[in-house]
C-alpha atoms as a PDB file:
ATOM      1  CA  UNK A   1      -0.309   0.244   0.158  1.00  0.00           C
ATOM      2  CA  UNK A   2       1.741   3.333  -1.018  1.00  0.00           C
ATOM      3  CA  UNK A   3       1.299   6.315   1.131  1.00  0.00           C
ATOM      4  CA  UNK A   4      -0.656   9.112   0.164  1.00  0.00           C
ATOM      5  CA  UNK A   5       0.629  11.878  -2.126  1.00  0.00           C
ATOM      6  CA  UNK A   6       1.647  15.138   0.396  1.00  0.00           C
ATOM      7  CA  UNK A   7       0.162  18.394  -2.202  1.00  0.00           C
ATOM      8  CA  UNK A   8       3.232  20.975  -0.842  1.00  0.00           C
ATOM      9  CA  UNK A   9       2.138  24.057   0.674  1.00  0.00           C
ATOM     10  CA  UNK A  10      -1.213  23.282   0.422  1.00  0.00           C
ATOM     11  CA  UNK A  11      -3.186  25.522   2.284  1.00  0.00           C
ATOM     12  CA  UNK A  12      -6.310  23.254   3.474  1.00  0.00           C
ATOM     13  CA  UNK A  13      -4.061  20.739   4.807  1.00  0.00           C
ATOM     14  CA  UNK A  14      -1.535  23.026   6.698  1.00  0.00           C
ATOM     15  CA  UNK A  15      -4.348  24.629   8.842  1.00  0.00           C
ATOM     16  CA  UNK A  16      -7.557  22.723   8.498  1.00  0.00           C
ATOM     17  CA  UNK A  17      -5.757  18.964   8.170  1.00  0.00           C
ATOM     18  CA  UNK A  18      -9.085  16.418   7.292  1.00  0.00           C
ATOM     19  CA  UNK A  19     -10.625  17.327  10.535  1.00  0.00           C
ATOM     20  CA  UNK A  20     -13.404  18.526  11.548  1.00  0.00           C
ATOM     21  CA  UNK A  21     -14.846  22.109  12.517  1.00  0.00           C
ATOM     22  CA  UNK A  22     -15.840  20.138  15.438  1.00  0.00           C
ATOM     23  CA  UNK A  23     -12.182  18.896  16.063  1.00  0.00           C
ATOM     24  CA  UNK A  24     -11.203  22.578  17.664  1.00  0.00           C
ATOM     25  CA  UNK A  25     -12.928  21.742  20.567  1.00  0.00           C
ATOM     26  CA  UNK A  26     -12.069  18.859  21.379  1.00  0.00           C
ATOM     27  CA  UNK A  27      -8.415  19.799  21.749  1.00  0.00           C
ATOM     28  CA  UNK A  28      -9.836  22.068  23.717  1.00  0.00           C
ATOM     29  CA  UNK A  29     -10.829  19.936  26.024  1.00  0.00           C
ATOM     30  CA  UNK A  30      -7.805  17.510  25.032  1.00  0.00           C
ATOM     31  CA  UNK A  31      -5.469  20.398  25.915  1.00  0.00           C
ATOM     32  CA  UNK A  32      -6.578  21.486  28.981  1.00  0.00           C
ATOM     33  CA  UNK A  33      -7.188  18.423  30.266  1.00  0.00           C
ATOM     34  CA  UNK A  34      -3.400  16.934  29.469  1.00  0.00           C
ATOM     35  CA  UNK A  35      -2.452  20.226  31.153  1.00  0.00           C
ATOM     36  CA  UNK A  36      -3.840  20.216  34.527  1.00  0.00           C
ATOM     37  CA  UNK A  37      -3.000  16.479  35.068  1.00  0.00           C
ATOM     38  CA  UNK A  38       1.082  17.216  33.304  1.00  0.00           C
ATOM     39  CA  UNK A  39       0.419  19.885  36.466  1.00  0.00           C
ATOM     40  CA  UNK A  40      -0.780  17.357  38.881  1.00  0.00           C
ATOM     41  CA  UNK A  41       1.938  14.210  38.467  1.00  0.00           C
ATOM     42  CA  UNK A  42       5.125  16.655  38.317  1.00  0.00           C
ATOM     43  CA  UNK A  43       3.474  17.966  42.057  1.00  0.00           C
ATOM     44  CA  UNK A  44       3.253  14.533  43.333  1.00  0.00           C
ATOM     45  CA  UNK A  45       7.340  13.318  41.737  1.00  0.00           C
ATOM     46  CA  UNK A  46       8.167  15.992  43.995  1.00  0.00           C
ATOM     47  CA  UNK A  47      10.946  19.117  43.758  1.00  0.00           C
ATOM     48  CA  UNK A  48      14.030  17.374  43.603  1.00  0.00           C
ATOM     49  CA  UNK A  49      14.411  17.503  40.117  1.00  0.00           C
ATOM     50  CA  UNK A  50      12.815  20.999  39.398  1.00  0.00           C
ATOM     51  CA  UNK A  51      15.513  22.654  39.688  1.00  0.00           C
ATOM     52  CA  UNK A  52      14.616  26.917  39.853  1.00  0.00           C
ATOM     53  CA  UNK A  53      11.254  25.788  38.164  1.00  0.00           C
ATOM     54  CA  UNK A  54       8.076  25.363  39.721  1.00  0.00           C
ATOM     55  CA  UNK A  55       5.227  22.410  39.108  1.00  0.00           C
ATOM     56  CA  UNK A  56       3.614  25.001  36.811  1.00  0.00           C
ATOM     57  CA  UNK A  57       6.004  26.569  35.107  1.00  0.00           C
ATOM     58  CA  UNK A  58       7.691  22.771  34.157  1.00  0.00           C
ATOM     59  CA  UNK A  59       4.103  21.957  32.857  1.00  0.00           C
ATOM     60  CA  UNK A  60       4.513  24.968  30.364  1.00  0.00           C
ATOM     61  CA  UNK A  61       7.518  24.475  29.021  1.00  0.00           C
ATOM     62  CA  UNK A  62       6.411  21.035  28.477  1.00  0.00           C
ATOM     63  CA  UNK A  63       3.336  21.835  27.124  1.00  0.00           C
ATOM     64  CA  UNK A  64       4.561  24.601  25.135  1.00  0.00           C
ATOM     65  CA  UNK A  65       7.448  22.429  23.339  1.00  0.00           C
ATOM     66  CA  UNK A  66       5.474  18.961  22.103  1.00  0.00           C
ATOM     67  CA  UNK A  67       2.909  21.536  20.877  1.00  0.00           C
ATOM     68  CA  UNK A  68       5.560  23.620  19.321  1.00  0.00           C
ATOM     69  CA  UNK A  69       7.517  20.845  17.823  1.00  0.00           C
ATOM     70  CA  UNK A  70       5.189  18.569  16.558  1.00  0.00           C
ATOM     71  CA  UNK A  71       3.949  20.479  13.365  1.00  0.00           C
ATOM     72  CA  UNK A  72       7.423  21.820  12.351  1.00  0.00           C
ATOM     73  CA  UNK A  73       7.766  18.330  11.081  1.00  0.00           C
ATOM     74  CA  UNK A  74       4.061  16.575  10.828  1.00  0.00           C
ATOM     75  CA  UNK A  75       2.818  16.794   7.436  1.00  0.00           C
ATOM     76  CA  UNK A  76      -0.399  15.548   8.879  1.00  0.00           C
ATOM     77  CA  UNK A  77      -0.747  18.283  12.213  1.00  0.00           C
ATOM     78  CA  UNK A  78      -2.273  21.134  10.829  1.00  0.00           C
ATOM     79  CA  UNK A  79      -0.423  24.281  11.992  1.00  0.00           C
ATOM     80  CA  UNK A  80      -4.147  25.347  13.393  1.00  0.00           C
ATOM     81  CA  UNK A  81      -3.939  22.866  15.770  1.00  0.00           C
ATOM     82  CA  UNK A  82      -0.894  23.308  17.455  1.00  0.00           C
ATOM     83  CA  UNK A  83      -1.810  27.097  17.240  1.00  0.00           C
ATOM     84  CA  UNK A  84      -4.559  26.515  19.526  1.00  0.00           C
ATOM     85  CA  UNK A  85      -2.864  24.440  21.977  1.00  0.00           C
ATOM     86  CA  UNK A  86      -0.145  27.222  22.127  1.00  0.00           C
ATOM     87  CA  UNK A  87      -2.566  29.885  22.832  1.00  0.00           C
ATOM     88  CA  UNK A  88      -4.433  27.485  25.406  1.00  0.00           C
ATOM     89  CA  UNK A  89      -1.624  26.314  27.587  1.00  0.00           C
ATOM     90  CA  UNK A  90       0.114  30.067  27.650  1.00  0.00           C
ATOM     91  CA  UNK A  91      -3.849  31.239  28.567  1.00  0.00           C
ATOM     92  CA  UNK A  92      -4.133  28.467  30.508  1.00  0.00           C
ATOM     93  CA  UNK A  93      -0.899  29.791  32.545  1.00  0.00           C
ATOM     94  CA  UNK A  94      -1.923  33.054  32.927  1.00  0.00           C
ATOM     95  CA  UNK A  95      -5.354  32.191  34.204  1.00  0.00           C
ATOM     96  CA  UNK A  96      -3.094  29.203  37.270  1.00  0.00           C
ATOM     97  CA  UNK A  97      -0.362  32.142  37.895  1.00  0.00           C
ATOM     98  CA  UNK A  98      -3.712  34.457  38.815  1.00  0.00           C
ATOM     99  CA  UNK A  99      -5.503  31.528  41.208  1.00  0.00           C
ATOM    100  CA  UNK A 100      -2.182  30.728  42.391  1.00  0.00           C
ATOM    101  CA  UNK A 101      -2.063  34.451  44.021  1.00  0.00           C
ATOM    102  CA  UNK A 102      -5.562  34.268  45.369  1.00  0.00           C
ATOM    103  CA  UNK A 103      -5.459  30.884  47.062  1.00  0.00           C
ATOM    104  CA  UNK A 104      -3.053  30.212  49.715  1.00  0.00           C
ATOM    105  CA  UNK A 105      -5.250  26.426  49.393  1.00  0.00           C
ATOM    106  CA  UNK A 106      -3.812  26.287  45.344  1.00  0.00           C
ATOM    107  CA  UNK A 107      -0.957  28.138  45.111  1.00  0.00           C
ATOM    108  CA  UNK A 108       0.372  24.850  48.289  1.00  0.00           C
ATOM    109  CA  UNK A 109      -1.395  22.249  45.666  1.00  0.00           C
ATOM    110  CA  UNK A 110       0.454  24.134  42.252  1.00  0.00           C
ATOM    111  CA  UNK A 111       3.666  25.075  43.700  1.00  0.00           C
ATOM    112  CA  UNK A 112       4.004  22.370  47.394  1.00  0.00           C
ATOM    113  CA  UNK A 113       5.267  24.176  50.527  1.00  0.00           C
ATOM    114  CA  UNK A 114       9.026  25.126  51.922  1.00  0.00           C
ATOM    115  CA  UNK A 115       9.643  22.311  54.085  1.00  0.00           C
ATOM    116  CA  UNK A 116      12.089  22.788  57.243  1.00  0.00           C
ATOM    117  CA  UNK A 117      15.190  19.910  56.244  1.00  0.00           C
ATOM    118  CA  UNK A 118      17.138  21.252  59.783  1.00  0.00           C
ATOM    119  CA  UNK A 119      16.644  23.335  63.321  1.00  0.00           C
ATOM    120  CA  UNK A 120      19.408  24.116  65.255  1.00  0.00           C
ATOM    121  CA  UNK A 121      21.977  20.967  63.886  1.00  0.00           C
ATOM    122  CA  UNK A 122      19.488  18.663  64.039  1.00  0.00           C
ATOM    123  CA  UNK A 123      18.183  17.000  60.969  1.00  0.00           C
ATOM    124  CA  UNK A 124      14.472  15.450  60.248  1.00  0.00           C
ATOM    125  CA  UNK A 125      14.174  12.147  58.770  1.00  0.00           C
ATOM    126  CA  UNK A 126      11.028  12.922  58.479  1.00  0.00           C
ATOM    127  CA  UNK A 127      10.902  16.070  55.957  1.00  0.00           C
ATOM    128  CA  UNK A 128      13.616  13.967  54.076  1.00  0.00           C
ATOM    129  CA  UNK A 129      11.561  12.270  53.456  1.00  0.00           C
ATOM    130  CA  UNK A 130       9.120  13.654  52.341  1.00  0.00           C
ATOM    131  CA  UNK A 131      11.316  15.766  50.276  1.00  0.00           C
ATOM    132  CA  UNK A 132      12.189  13.273  48.674  1.00  0.00           C
ATOM    133  CA  UNK A 133      15.815  13.582  49.486  1.00  0.00           C
ATOM    134  CA  UNK A 134      18.405  11.170  51.183  1.00  0.00           C
ATOM    135  CA  UNK A 135      21.237  12.799  53.919  1.00  0.00           C
ATOM    136  CA  UNK A 136      23.343  12.318  51.463  1.00  0.00           C
ATOM    137  CA  UNK A 137      21.761  14.202  49.511  1.00  0.00           C
ATOM    138  CA  UNK A 138      21.449  16.691  51.999  1.00  0.00           C
ATOM    139  CA  UNK A 139      24.631  16.671  53.037  1.00  0.00           C
ATOM    140  CA  UNK A 140      25.981  17.434  49.737  1.00  0.00           C
ATOM    141  CA  UNK A 141      23.429  20.477  48.902  1.00  0.00           C
ATOM    142  CA  UNK A 142      25.303  21.934  52.027  1.00  0.00           C
ATOM    143  CA  UNK A 143      28.313  21.217  51.220  1.00  0.00           C
ATOM    144  CA  UNK A 144      27.743  23.442  48.138  1.00  0.00           C
ATOM    145  CA  UNK A 145      26.546  25.682  50.984  1.00  0.00           C
ATOM    146  CA  UNK A 146      29.882  25.484  52.435  1.00  0.00           C
ATOM    147  CA  UNK A 147      28.800  23.973  55.602  1.00  0.00           C
ATOM    148  CA  UNK A 148      31.394  22.032  56.978  1.00  0.00           C
ATOM    149  CA  UNK A 149      29.530  20.181  59.605  1.00  0.00           C
ATOM    150  CA  UNK A 150      25.655  20.362  60.911  1.00  0.00           C
ATOM    151  CA  UNK A 151      26.248  22.886  63.791  1.00  0.00           C
ATOM    152  CA  UNK A 152      26.945  25.295  61.723  1.00  0.00           C
ATOM    153  CA  UNK A 153      23.081  25.899  60.341  1.00  0.00           C
ATOM    154  CA  UNK A 154      20.377  26.669  62.609  1.00  0.00           C
ATOM    155  CA  UNK A 155      17.271  26.531  59.798  1.00  0.00           C
ATOM    156  CA  UNK A 156      18.322  24.606  56.227  1.00  0.00           C
ATOM    157  CA  UNK A 157      14.641  25.020  54.393  1.00  0.00           C
ATOM    158  CA  UNK A 158      13.473  22.832  51.026  1.00  0.00           C
ATOM    159  CA  UNK A 159      12.444  25.602  48.967  1.00  0.00           C
ATOM    160  CA  UNK A 160       9.680  25.165  46.285  1.00  0.00           C
ATOM    161  CA  UNK A 161      11.946  25.507  43.549  1.00  0.00           C
ATOM    162  CA  UNK A 162      14.093  22.425  44.368  1.00  0.00           C
ATOM    163  CA  UNK A 163      16.409  25.058  45.930  1.00  0.00           C
ATOM    164  CA  UNK A 164      17.943  24.521  49.811  1.00  0.00           C
ATOM    165  CA  UNK A 165      17.969  27.780  51.429  1.00  0.00           C
ATOM    166  CA  UNK A 166      20.535  28.078  54.737  1.00  0.00           C
ATOM    167  CA  UNK A 167      20.515  29.974  57.359  1.00  0.00           C
ATOM    168  CA  UNK A 168      24.257  29.416  59.556  1.00  0.00           C
ATOM    169  CA  UNK A 169      25.225  31.067  62.624  1.00  0.00           C
ATOM    170  CA  UNK A 170      26.165  34.556  62.396  1.00  0.00           C
ATOM    171  CA  UNK A 171      29.099  33.858  64.520  1.00  0.00           C
ATOM    172  CA  UNK A 172      30.792  31.009  65.937  1.00  0.00           C
ATOM    173  CA  UNK A 173      29.214  27.916  65.558  1.00  0.00           C
ATOM    174  CA  UNK A 174      28.305  24.652  67.881  1.00  0.00           C
ATOM    175  CA  UNK A 175      30.229  21.322  67.241  1.00  0.00           C
ATOM    176  CA  UNK A 176      27.833  19.260  65.530  1.00  0.00           C
ATOM    177  CA  UNK A 177      28.060  16.629  63.080  1.00  0.00           C
ATOM    178  CA  UNK A 178      30.746  17.082  60.205  1.00  0.00           C
ATOM    179  CA  UNK A 179      29.695  17.047  56.659  1.00  0.00           C
ATOM    180  CA  UNK A 180      32.940  17.475  54.854  1.00  0.00           C
ATOM    181  CA  UNK A 181      34.431  14.811  53.797  1.00  0.00           C
ATOM    182  CA  UNK A 182      31.520  13.077  51.760  1.00  0.00           C
ATOM    183  CA  UNK A 183      30.363  10.051  53.664  1.00  0.00           C
ATOM    184  CA  UNK A 184      31.457   7.752  50.058  1.00  0.00           C
ATOM    185  CA  UNK A 185      34.637   8.668  50.633  1.00  0.00           C
ATOM    186  CA  UNK A 186      35.452   8.764  54.511  1.00  0.00           C
ATOM    187  CA  UNK A 187      32.742   7.890  56.793  1.00  0.00           C
ATOM    188  CA  UNK A 188      33.153   9.746  61.201  1.00  0.00           C
ATOM    189  CA  UNK A 189      34.248   7.276  63.370  1.00  0.00           C
ATOM    190  CA  UNK A 190      31.638   5.817  65.717  1.00  0.00           C
ATOM    191  CA  UNK A 191      32.179   5.672  69.324  1.00  0.00           C
ATOM    192  CA  UNK A 192      31.786   2.853  70.635  1.00  0.00           C
ATOM    193  CA  UNK A 193      29.201   2.117  72.544  1.00  0.00           C
ATOM    194  CA  UNK A 194      31.344   0.604  75.720  1.00  0.00           C
ATOM    195  CA  UNK A 195      34.162   3.077  75.661  1.00  0.00           C
ATOM    196  CA  UNK A 196      33.930   6.859  78.089  1.00  0.00           C
ATOM    197  CA  UNK A 197      33.372  10.131  75.560  1.00  0.00           C
ATOM    198  CA  UNK A 198      34.776  13.553  76.881  1.00  0.00           C
ATOM    199  CA  UNK A 199      33.131  15.943  75.021  1.00  0.00           C
ATOM    200  CA  UNK A 200      30.507  16.693  72.141  1.00  0.00           C
ATOM    201  CA  UNK A 201      29.282  14.036  70.294  1.00  0.00           C
ATOM    202  CA  UNK A 202      26.921  14.114  67.737  1.00  0.00           C
ATOM    203  CA  UNK A 203      24.318  11.460  66.354  1.00  0.00           C
ATOM    204  CA  UNK A 204      24.864  10.173  63.318  1.00  0.00           C
ATOM    205  CA  UNK A 205      21.968   9.133  62.093  1.00  0.00           C
ATOM    206  CA  UNK A 206      19.751  12.110  62.809  1.00  0.00           C
ATOM    207  CA  UNK A 207      22.851  15.208  63.788  1.00  0.00           C
ATOM    208  CA  UNK A 208      21.556  15.478  67.944  1.00  0.00           C
ATOM    209  CA  UNK A 209      24.849  16.553  69.768  1.00  0.00           C
ATOM    210  CA  UNK A 210      24.693  16.271  73.525  1.00  0.00           C
ATOM    211  CA  UNK A 211      27.869  16.792  75.828  1.00  0.00           C
ATOM    212  CA  UNK A 212      29.514  12.602  77.190  1.00  0.00           C
ATOM    213  CA  UNK A 213      31.618  12.118  79.791  1.00  0.00           C
ATOM    214  CA  UNK A 214      30.233   8.366  80.811  1.00  0.00           C
ATOM    215  CA  UNK A 215      29.053   5.423  78.543  1.00  0.00           C
ATOM    216  CA  UNK A 216      27.040   7.015  75.314  1.00  0.00           C
ATOM    217  CA  UNK A 217      23.143   5.648  75.877  1.00  0.00           C
ATOM    218  CA  UNK A 218      19.592   6.567  73.163  1.00  0.00           C
ATOM    219  CA  UNK A 219      19.529   9.633  71.330  1.00  0.00           C
ATOM    220  CA  UNK A 220      16.020  12.046  71.650  1.00  0.00           C
ATOM    221  CA  UNK A 221      14.977  10.393  67.772  1.00  0.00           C
ATOM    222  CA  UNK A 222      15.741   6.481  69.245  1.00  0.00           C
ATOM    223  CA  UNK A 223      19.231   5.586  67.498  1.00  0.00           C
ATOM    224  CA  UNK A 224      22.395   4.908  69.785  1.00  0.00           C
ATOM    225  CA  UNK A 225      25.198   5.790  67.064  1.00  0.00           C
ATOM    226  CA  UNK A 226      27.512   8.545  67.668  1.00  0.00           C
ATOM    227  CA  UNK A 227      30.544  10.311  66.415  1.00  0.00           C
ATOM    228  CA  UNK A 228      32.796  12.998  67.927  1.00  0.00           C
ATOM    229  CA  UNK A 229      31.281  16.802  67.115  1.00  0.00           C
ATOM    230  CA  UNK A 230      33.560  18.906  65.816  1.00  0.00           C
ATOM    231  CA  UNK A 231      33.280  22.368  64.641  1.00  0.00           C
ATOM    232  CA  UNK A 232      35.349  22.260  61.925  1.00  0.00           C
ATOM    233  CA  UNK A 233      36.722  18.829  60.387  1.00  0.00           C
ATOM    234  CA  UNK A 234      38.835  19.896  58.474  1.00  0.00           C
ATOM    235  CA  UNK A 235      40.961  22.168  60.349  1.00  0.00           C
ATOM    236  CA  UNK A 236      43.451  20.686  63.324  1.00  0.00           C
ATOM    237  CA  UNK A 237      42.035  22.891  65.385  1.00  0.00           C
ATOM    238  CA  UNK A 238      37.965  22.001  65.262  1.00  0.00           C
ATOM    239  CA  UNK A 239      39.238  18.143  65.509  1.00  0.00           C
ATOM    240  CA  UNK A 240      40.855  18.787  68.422  1.00  0.00           C
ATOM    241  CA  UNK A 241      37.690  20.040  70.659  1.00  0.00           C
ATOM    242  CA  UNK A 242      35.652  16.723  69.574  1.00  0.00           C
ATOM    243  CA  UNK A 243      35.539  13.777  71.565  1.00  0.00           C
ATOM    244  CA  UNK A 244      38.291  12.063  72.630  1.00  0.00           C
ATOM    245  CA  UNK A 245      37.505   8.025  74.136  1.00  0.00           C
ATOM    246  CA  UNK A 246      38.638   6.478  77.731  1.00  0.00           C
ATOM    247  CA  UNK A 247      38.204   2.511  77.991  1.00  0.00           C
ATOM    248  CA  UNK A 248      35.125   2.096  79.327  1.00  0.00           C
ATOM    249  CA  UNK A 249      33.465  -1.024  81.523  1.00  0.00           C
ATOM    250  CA  UNK A 250      35.778  -3.643  79.106  1.00  0.00           C
ATOM    251  CA  UNK A 251      38.892  -1.855  79.309  1.00  0.00           C
ATOM    252  CA  UNK A 252      40.189  -3.145  75.987  1.00  0.00           C
ATOM    253  CA  UNK A 253      41.100   0.177  74.288  1.00  0.00           C
ATOM    254  CA  UNK A 254      39.464   0.051  70.991  1.00  0.00           C
ATOM    255  CA  UNK A 255      39.080   3.193  69.441  1.00  0.00           C
ATOM    256  CA  UNK A 256      35.990   2.717  67.417  1.00  0.00           C
ATOM    257  CA  UNK A 257      34.127   1.337  63.963  1.00  0.00           C
ATOM    258  CA  UNK A 258      33.804   3.797  61.142  1.00  0.00           C
ATOM    259  CA  UNK A 259      30.017   4.626  60.913  1.00  0.00           C
ATOM    260  CA  UNK A 260      28.682   2.547  57.775  1.00  0.00           C
ATOM    261  CA  UNK A 261      29.970  -0.875  60.450  1.00  0.00           C
ATOM    262  CA  UNK A 262      28.146  -1.913  63.455  1.00  0.00           C
END
């Protein structure tokens, strides 16, 4: 079966195609449904990969790109159909933008809300899960902003556009859980529970710090693995302020284990 012959610059085919005029109303309906579905899917997939674009803005980019690309090289796609889709996408963007400004509920649904990931040097694992971030993802973003240890961070917010906003202490930061070097390269040394720790320690799960002068117990988050807290994990002076170890009940003098080991 031979392919149908295409007549170049056939205005009927280029602008209207073979569809009846009522098909234009179907295009309106299909565009509205697909656009709203796209915004919803982008909203529930999380903000991690958006990086500067809100779900609404990303939906605009995808919708405009697809609608503008197909009629450029598919002869069976009439230009008038693509032009209508492009106009509808832009109109819907303007309409939704006005709704976002006027309604906080619509803004929350479309744009999401900022999520507090760190408060006073302590990570919130439920917030990390809600933001679809791992602890290593958070540490990577903190390192990108020059943070060396969690004690420097007063607040860290995962913003609506997928960026991380960090507020650090204006002056000397307390000791905290180190985030440099990257744990994939060098993990903090976990303190042995049967050794006496003298100095500040940090929970390896949530980053909560506490002074220690005795055997280590459980953190308030329910975990019991600790590492020495430090003000500067890359500097000798900061490392010297971390916890030191004394022989505990067994007197064996073990030095602890890497954080990745039990």
